[in-house]
């Protein structure tokens, strides 16, 4: 009986340790807030130096301007106004952020990923075609849907996704993220516009494209550094 009890205790300890290892990479904050400060000296918490709590004000938790439409005159016809820890210092350690997405007619937010956050999007004006692609292990399935005003869609963390205005008017959406700084990697920009450029022969073989077309795409998305 004593041996069985010892084994049970050891099992419980191992479970507790494994649970702590799983969650230790992104722990919950142990203080009310850790407002990010523009300083290099001090204790970093989640990549930011904490501001002296005594000097924190309501302005550290506020941002104005999401009522203003973004400029959609770019070639993709969209604009994303992010409100992350760089805009609201009080978001540091809180694990959330926000964005406004504006779309001209036919505009799109091209295929991209957020490496550090899942996303939940709500359409407040217009009609959007949205979708995400699952991983190789799930055979790269496309999950897509047309959203109208008031509709909501969720994009899992790290998966390629997109939004496109398929309506007859401008479209507006708001997105929430499960990170104070979700990050964005636009696929075409990263692949064809990297600096220095990915070798042309790598991209030509990977995408089954002619080398001259790869060269053209590298010029479009960024300086072509390979001769």
Protein backbone atom coordinates (compact mmCIF):
# COMPACT_ATOMS: atom_id res chain seq x y z
CA UNK A 1 0.00 0.00 0.00
CA UNK A 2 2.83 2.40 0.89
CA UNK A 3 4.53 1.70 -2.46
CA UNK A 4 1.27 2.35 -4.31
CA UNK A 5 0.83 5.64 -2.45
CA UNK A 6 4.36 6.75 -3.35
CA UNK A 7 3.76 5.91 -7.01
CA UNK A 8 0.52 7.89 -6.95
CA UNK A 9 2.23 10.92 -5.40
CA UNK A 10 5.03 10.74 -7.95
CA UNK A 11 2.48 10.57 -10.77
CA UNK A 12 0.68 13.65 -9.46
CA UNK A 13 3.98 15.57 -9.20
CA UNK A 14 4.90 14.67 -12.78
CA UNK A 15 1.49 15.82 -14.00
CA UNK A 16 1.88 19.13 -12.16
CA UNK A 17 5.33 19.68 -13.61
CA UNK A 18 4.21 18.91 -17.15
CA UNK A 19 1.25 21.28 -16.75
CA UNK A 20 3.57 24.09 -15.65
CA UNK A 21 5.93 23.44 -18.57
CA UNK A 22 3.05 23.69 -21.06
CA UNK A 23 1.89 27.07 -19.79
CA UNK A 24 5.16 28.69 -18.73
CA UNK A 25 5.97 30.23 -22.14
CA UNK A 26 3.13 32.80 -21.93
CA UNK A 27 2.13 33.18 -18.27
CA UNK A 28 -0.69 35.28 -16.97
CA UNK A 29 0.43 38.65 -15.58
CA UNK A 30 1.20 38.71 -11.87
CA UNK A 31 0.39 42.40 -11.50
CA UNK A 32 -2.58 44.61 -12.38
CA UNK A 33 -0.77 46.01 -15.41
CA UNK A 34 2.65 46.48 -16.96
CA UNK A 35 2.39 49.54 -19.18
CA UNK A 36 5.09 49.51 -21.85
CA UNK A 37 7.65 52.31 -21.60
CA UNK A 38 9.93 53.65 -24.32
CA UNK A 39 13.04 52.81 -22.35
CA UNK A 40 15.97 50.42 -22.67
CA UNK A 41 16.92 50.22 -19.01
CA UNK A 42 14.76 48.23 -16.65
CA UNK A 43 13.05 44.87 -16.35
CA UNK A 44 11.59 43.53 -19.60
CA UNK A 45 8.18 41.88 -19.33
CA UNK A 46 7.03 40.27 -22.59
CA UNK A 47 9.58 42.29 -24.54
CA UNK A 48 8.77 45.67 -23.00
CA UNK A 49 10.09 47.67 -20.06
CA UNK A 50 7.40 48.32 -17.48
CA UNK A 51 6.53 51.93 -16.77
CA UNK A 52 6.57 53.04 -13.15
CA UNK A 53 3.01 52.27 -11.97
CA UNK A 54 2.87 55.61 -10.16
CA UNK A 55 3.25 57.47 -13.46
CA UNK A 56 0.60 55.45 -15.34
CA UNK A 57 -2.46 57.39 -16.53
CA UNK A 58 -5.72 56.58 -18.32
CA UNK A 59 -4.10 57.68 -21.59
CA UNK A 60 -1.85 54.61 -21.41
CA UNK A 61 -4.94 52.46 -21.93
CA UNK A 62 -6.63 54.53 -24.64
CA UNK A 63 -6.47 55.13 -28.39
CA UNK A 64 -8.55 57.35 -30.67
CA UNK A 65 -9.03 57.21 -34.41
CA UNK A 66 -10.67 53.92 -35.36
CA UNK A 67 -13.67 55.92 -36.54
CA UNK A 68 -11.52 57.34 -39.36
CA UNK A 69 -11.59 55.33 -42.63
CA UNK A 70 -8.21 54.05 -43.79
CA UNK A 71 -6.64 54.98 -47.12
CA UNK A 72 -7.53 52.25 -49.65
CA UNK A 73 -5.84 53.72 -52.73
CA UNK A 74 -3.04 51.14 -52.72
CA UNK A 75 -2.86 48.54 -55.49
CA UNK A 76 -4.51 45.94 -53.24
CA UNK A 77 -7.35 48.33 -52.35
CA UNK A 78 -7.32 47.86 -48.60
CA UNK A 79 -5.95 49.37 -45.41
CA UNK A 80 -5.38 47.83 -41.98
CA UNK A 81 -5.22 50.14 -38.96
CA UNK A 82 -3.69 48.16 -36.11
CA UNK A 83 -4.15 48.95 -32.44
CA UNK A 84 -1.56 46.83 -30.68
CA UNK A 85 0.90 47.33 -27.83
CA UNK A 86 2.77 49.87 -29.95
CA UNK A 87 -0.36 52.06 -30.03
CA UNK A 88 -1.71 51.33 -26.53
CA UNK A 89 1.16 50.75 -24.07
CA UNK A 90 -1.30 49.38 -21.51
CA UNK A 91 -1.87 46.31 -23.68
CA UNK A 92 1.51 44.93 -22.62
CA UNK A 93 1.06 41.45 -21.03
CA UNK A 94 -2.72 41.52 -21.62
CA UNK A 95 -2.69 39.28 -24.70
CA UNK A 96 -5.21 41.17 -26.86
CA UNK A 97 -5.21 43.75 -29.68
CA UNK A 98 -7.51 45.16 -32.34
CA UNK A 99 -7.54 46.30 -35.95
CA UNK A 100 -9.81 48.14 -38.37
CA UNK A 101 -9.90 46.89 -41.97
CA UNK A 102 -11.10 49.13 -44.81
CA UNK A 103 -11.73 47.83 -48.34
CA UNK A 104 -12.37 49.65 -51.59
CA UNK A 105 -14.60 47.90 -54.12
CA UNK A 106 -12.70 44.77 -55.15
CA UNK A 107 -10.03 45.42 -52.54
CA UNK A 108 -8.46 42.62 -50.58
CA UNK A 109 -6.28 41.85 -47.60
CA UNK A 110 -4.03 39.35 -49.41
CA UNK A 111 -3.08 35.91 -48.05
CA UNK A 112 -1.11 36.32 -44.83
CA UNK A 113 -0.57 34.79 -41.41
CA UNK A 114 -0.39 36.06 -37.83
CA UNK A 115 2.37 34.01 -36.18
CA UNK A 116 1.36 34.85 -32.62
CA UNK A 117 -2.44 35.09 -32.57
CA UNK A 118 -5.78 33.75 -33.62
CA UNK A 119 -8.15 36.35 -35.10
CA UNK A 120 -11.87 36.99 -34.82
CA UNK A 121 -13.34 39.33 -37.45
CA UNK A 122 -16.70 41.09 -37.64
CA UNK A 123 -18.02 42.90 -40.72
CA UNK A 124 -19.62 46.26 -39.92
CA UNK A 125 -20.25 47.39 -43.51
CA UNK A 126 -20.38 45.70 -46.91
CA UNK A 127 -19.73 42.13 -48.03
CA UNK A 128 -16.48 40.20 -47.62
CA UNK A 129 -15.29 36.87 -48.95
CA UNK A 130 -13.02 35.41 -46.26
CA UNK A 131 -11.20 32.15 -45.76
CA UNK A 132 -8.25 30.25 -44.31
CA UNK A 133 -6.27 27.20 -45.40
CA UNK A 134 -5.48 24.37 -43.03
CA UNK A 135 -1.98 22.88 -42.69
CA UNK A 136 -0.35 20.15 -44.78
CA UNK A 137 -1.40 17.58 -42.18
CA UNK A 138 -5.03 18.46 -42.97
CA UNK A 139 -4.44 18.41 -46.75
CA UNK A 140 -4.49 22.22 -47.10
CA UNK A 141 -8.28 22.49 -47.02
CA UNK A 142 -9.88 25.88 -47.72
CA UNK A 143 -12.54 27.07 -45.27
CA UNK A 144 -14.28 30.02 -46.92
CA UNK A 145 -17.47 32.02 -46.45
CA UNK A 146 -19.15 35.21 -47.65
CA UNK A 147 -19.78 37.58 -44.73
CA UNK A 148 -22.26 40.45 -44.56
CA UNK A 149 -22.83 43.19 -41.99
CA UNK A 150 -22.91 41.69 -38.51
CA UNK A 151 -21.34 38.36 -39.50
CA UNK A 152 -18.32 37.00 -37.64
CA UNK A 153 -15.52 34.64 -38.70
CA UNK A 154 -12.53 33.14 -36.86
CA UNK A 155 -9.04 32.51 -38.26
CA UNK A 156 -6.90 30.02 -36.27
CA UNK A 157 -3.40 31.04 -35.22
CA UNK A 158 -0.63 30.68 -37.79
CA UNK A 159 -2.82 29.65 -40.74
CA UNK A 160 -2.87 31.44 -44.11
CA UNK A 161 -6.03 33.54 -44.50
CA UNK A 162 -7.47 36.40 -46.54
CA UNK A 163 -10.37 38.84 -46.89
CA UNK A 164 -11.76 40.36 -50.11
CA UNK A 165 -14.52 42.88 -50.79
CA UNK A 166 -17.01 41.20 -53.12
CA UNK A 167 -19.78 43.77 -52.65
CA UNK A 168 -20.75 46.88 -54.60
CA UNK A 169 -19.72 49.36 -51.89
CA UNK A 170 -16.78 49.97 -49.59
CA UNK A 171 -16.47 47.45 -46.78
CA UNK A 172 -15.34 47.80 -43.19
CA UNK A 173 -14.49 45.15 -40.61
CA UNK A 174 -12.99 45.02 -37.13
CA UNK A 175 -10.71 42.23 -35.96
CA UNK A 176 -9.65 41.14 -32.49
CA UNK A 177 -6.43 39.20 -31.85
CA UNK A 178 -5.28 36.93 -29.04
CA UNK A 179 -1.96 38.73 -28.70
CA UNK A 180 -0.75 42.19 -27.80
CA UNK A 181 1.42 42.05 -30.93
CA UNK A 182 0.13 39.36 -33.35
CA UNK A 183 2.55 40.17 -36.16
CA UNK A 184 1.78 39.83 -39.87
CA UNK A 185 3.55 37.91 -42.62
CA UNK A 186 2.12 38.63 -46.07
CA UNK A 187 2.91 35.56 -48.13
CA UNK A 188 3.74 37.20 -51.47
CA UNK A 189 5.83 39.94 -49.82
CA UNK A 190 7.77 37.43 -47.75
CA UNK A 191 8.40 34.98 -50.60
CA UNK A 192 9.11 37.36 -53.49
CA UNK A 193 10.12 40.49 -51.60
CA UNK A 194 12.55 39.17 -49.00
CA UNK A 195 15.85 40.99 -48.42
CA UNK A 196 18.16 39.59 -49.62
CA UNK A 197 16.07 37.80 -52.22
CA UNK A 198 15.46 34.07 -52.08
CA UNK A 199 17.51 32.51 -54.92
CA UNK A 200 15.49 32.58 -58.12
CA UNK A 201 16.08 28.91 -58.86
CA UNK A 202 14.58 27.97 -55.48
CA UNK A 203 11.37 29.88 -56.17
CA UNK A 204 11.16 28.74 -59.80
CA UNK A 205 11.28 25.09 -58.75
CA UNK A 206 9.06 25.51 -55.69
CA UNK A 207 6.27 27.28 -57.59
CA UNK A 208 6.90 25.62 -60.98
CA UNK A 209 7.44 29.03 -62.61
CA UNK A 210 9.74 30.29 -65.31
CA UNK A 211 12.82 32.03 -63.89
CA UNK A 212 11.98 35.22 -65.80
CA UNK A 213 8.55 35.36 -64.17
CA UNK A 214 10.18 34.90 -60.77
CA UNK A 215 12.52 37.77 -61.58
CA UNK A 216 9.52 39.95 -62.51
CA UNK A 217 7.71 39.09 -59.25
CA UNK A 218 10.82 39.91 -57.22
CA UNK A 219 10.96 43.31 -58.90
CA UNK A 220 7.26 43.90 -58.17
CA UNK A 221 7.44 42.92 -54.50
CA UNK A 222 10.93 44.14 -53.71
CA UNK A 223 14.39 44.86 -55.08
CA UNK A 224 15.70 41.93 -57.10
CA UNK A 225 19.13 41.33 -55.61
CA UNK A 226 20.02 38.21 -57.57
CA UNK A 227 21.39 38.52 -61.12
